[in-house]
Amino acid sequence: MRDEAVSDETPICSAKACRVAAVWVLAWNNPKIHTPERRKTWLACEEHREHLSQFLGVRGFLKDVVPLTEWEAGPGSSAPERS
């Protein structure tokens, strides 16, 4: 893990024990419990993007992977909530 300082307001990676600033948003849903349009989000640093994407993808949950800056600039322009 890289040692990058993050502030209290910096979105951090959702990978277990990772404290690195997030740069990716992984949008997903579990079709057994969520409606098709519902999107939950995980945040990922560069190092954990592929691992978290594979984890969700194998289960058929992964819907989209976009840069955090693009996600924040999208409709509503608010940072994703960590799920």
C-alpha atoms as a PDB file:
ATOM      1  CA  MET A   1       0.000   0.000   0.000  1.00  0.00           C
ATOM      2  CA  ARG A   2       1.241   3.463  -0.846  1.00  0.00           C
ATOM      3  CA  ASP A   3       1.576   5.962   1.988  1.00  0.00           C
ATOM      4  CA  GLU A   4      -0.472   8.913   0.727  1.00  0.00           C
ATOM      5  CA  ALA A   5      -1.839  11.462   3.142  1.00  0.00           C
ATOM      6  CA  VAL A   6      -5.588  11.963   2.983  1.00  0.00           C
ATOM      7  CA  SER A   7      -7.682  14.556   4.743  1.00  0.00           C
ATOM      8  CA  ASP A   8     -10.899  13.800   6.628  1.00  0.00           C
ATOM      9  CA  GLU A   9     -12.835  14.973   3.569  1.00  0.00           C
ATOM     10  CA  THR A  10     -10.901  12.951   0.991  1.00  0.00           C
ATOM     11  CA  PRO A  11     -12.836   9.910  -0.271  1.00  0.00           C
ATOM     12  CA  ILE A  12     -10.792   6.797   0.517  1.00  0.00           C
ATOM     13  CA  CYS A  13     -10.615   3.366  -1.066  1.00  0.00           C
ATOM     14  CA  SER A  14     -13.206   0.809   0.070  1.00  0.00           C
ATOM     15  CA  ALA A  15     -10.674  -2.045   0.131  1.00  0.00           C
ATOM     16  CA  LYS A  16     -10.157  -3.503   3.595  1.00  0.00           C
ATOM     17  CA  ALA A  17      -7.502  -1.585   5.570  1.00  0.00           C
ATOM     18  CA  CYS A  18      -6.673   0.711   2.644  1.00  0.00           C
ATOM     19  CA  ARG A  19      -6.398   4.397   3.561  1.00  0.00           C
ATOM     20  CA  VAL A  20      -5.360   5.670   0.117  1.00  0.00           C
ATOM     21  CA  ALA A  21      -7.348   8.359  -1.701  1.00  0.00           C
ATOM     22  CA  ALA A  22      -9.959   6.919  -4.063  1.00  0.00           C
ATOM     23  CA  VAL A  23      -9.817   7.712  -7.770  1.00  0.00           C
ATOM     24  CA  TRP A  24     -12.484   5.290  -9.073  1.00  0.00           C
ATOM     25  CA  VAL A  25     -16.164   4.682  -8.380  1.00  0.00           C
ATOM     26  CA  LEU A  26     -17.492   1.142  -8.825  1.00  0.00           C
ATOM     27  CA  ALA A  27     -21.268   1.282  -9.244  1.00  0.00           C
ATOM     28  CA  TRP A  28     -23.041  -1.975  -8.450  1.00  0.00           C
ATOM     29  CA  ASN A  29     -26.226  -3.612  -7.274  1.00  0.00           C
ATOM     30  CA  ASN A  30     -27.320  -7.011  -6.035  1.00  0.00           C
ATOM     31  CA  PRO A  31     -30.271  -8.003  -8.242  1.00  0.00           C
ATOM     32  CA  LYS A  32     -31.618 -10.288  -5.515  1.00  0.00           C
ATOM     33  CA  ILE A  33     -32.233  -7.367  -3.161  1.00  0.00           C
ATOM     34  CA  HIS A  34     -32.002  -4.122  -5.193  1.00  0.00           C
ATOM     35  CA  THR A  35     -34.237  -2.744  -7.928  1.00  0.00           C
ATOM     36  CA  PRO A  36     -32.513  -2.660 -11.360  1.00  0.00           C
ATOM     37  CA  GLU A  37     -31.990   1.119 -11.296  1.00  0.00           C
ATOM     38  CA  ARG A  38     -30.484   1.187  -7.783  1.00  0.00           C
ATOM     39  CA  ARG A  39     -26.738   1.802  -7.630  1.00  0.00           C
ATOM     40  CA  LYS A  40     -24.565   1.220  -4.587  1.00  0.00           C
ATOM     41  CA  THR A  41     -20.977   2.441  -4.773  1.00  0.00           C
ATOM     42  CA  TRP A  42     -17.560   1.357  -3.687  1.00  0.00           C
ATOM     43  CA  LEU A  43     -14.553   3.619  -4.032  1.00  0.00           C
ATOM     44  CA  ALA A  44     -11.182   2.352  -5.237  1.00  0.00           C
ATOM     45  CA  CYS A  45      -7.597   3.534  -5.454  1.00  0.00           C
ATOM     46  CA  GLU A  46      -5.518   2.555  -8.494  1.00  0.00           C
ATOM     47  CA  GLU A  47      -4.040  -0.438  -6.659  1.00  0.00           C
ATOM     48  CA  HIS A  48      -7.407  -1.969  -5.677  1.00  0.00           C
ATOM     49  CA  ARG A  49      -9.580  -1.084  -8.684  1.00  0.00           C
ATOM     50  CA  GLU A  50      -9.072  -4.401 -10.462  1.00  0.00           C
ATOM     51  CA  HIS A  51      -9.465  -6.536  -7.333  1.00  0.00           C
ATOM     52  CA  LEU A  52     -12.707  -4.845  -6.245  1.00  0.00           C
ATOM     53  CA  SER A  53     -14.040  -4.914  -9.834  1.00  0.00           C
ATOM     54  CA  GLN A  54     -13.356  -8.652 -10.083  1.00  0.00           C
ATOM     55  CA  PHE A  55     -15.000  -9.303  -6.711  1.00  0.00           C
ATOM     56  CA  LEU A  56     -18.209  -7.570  -7.839  1.00  0.00           C
ATOM     57  CA  GLY A  57     -17.997  -8.848 -11.422  1.00  0.00           C
ATOM     58  CA  VAL A  58     -17.779 -12.541 -10.488  1.00  0.00           C
ATOM     59  CA  ARG A  59     -21.036 -12.118  -8.562  1.00  0.00           C
ATOM     60  CA  GLY A  60     -22.734 -10.288 -11.440  1.00  0.00           C
ATOM     61  CA  PHE A  61     -23.066  -7.107  -9.338  1.00  0.00           C
ATOM     62  CA  LEU A  62     -20.736  -4.690 -11.174  1.00  0.00           C
ATOM     63  CA  LYS A  63     -22.575  -2.202 -13.389  1.00  0.00           C
ATOM     64  CA  ASP A  64     -20.021   0.528 -14.110  1.00  0.00           C
ATOM     65  CA  VAL A  65     -16.522   1.785 -13.247  1.00  0.00           C
ATOM     66  CA  VAL A  66     -15.890   5.510 -13.694  1.00  0.00           C
ATOM     67  CA  PRO A  67     -13.263   7.990 -12.515  1.00  0.00           C
ATOM     68  CA  LEU A  68     -14.265   9.678  -9.261  1.00  0.00           C
ATOM     69  CA  THR A  69     -13.918  13.115 -10.869  1.00  0.00           C
ATOM     70  CA  GLU A  70     -16.361  12.115 -13.621  1.00  0.00           C
ATOM     71  CA  TRP A  71     -18.827  10.669 -11.083  1.00  0.00           C
ATOM     72  CA  GLU A  72     -18.689  13.845  -8.988  1.00  0.00           C
ATOM     73  CA  ALA A  73     -19.233  16.030 -12.060  1.00  0.00           C
ATOM     74  CA  GLY A  74     -22.267  13.981 -13.169  1.00  0.00           C
ATOM     75  CA  PRO A  75     -25.944  14.628 -12.409  1.00  0.00           C
ATOM     76  CA  GLY A  76     -26.330  15.875  -8.858  1.00  0.00           C
ATOM     77  CA  SER A  77     -22.568  16.537  -8.599  1.00  0.00           C
ATOM     78  CA  SER A  78     -22.324  14.983  -5.128  1.00  0.00           C
ATOM     79  CA  ALA A  79     -19.730  12.548  -3.902  1.00  0.00           C
ATOM     80  CA  PRO A  80     -20.870   8.933  -3.692  1.00  0.00           C
ATOM     81  CA  GLU A  81     -21.732   7.520  -0.311  1.00  0.00           C
ATOM     82  CA  ARG A  82     -19.650   4.571   0.802  1.00  0.00           C
ATOM     83  CA  SER A  83     -21.701   1.421   1.021  1.00  0.00           C
END
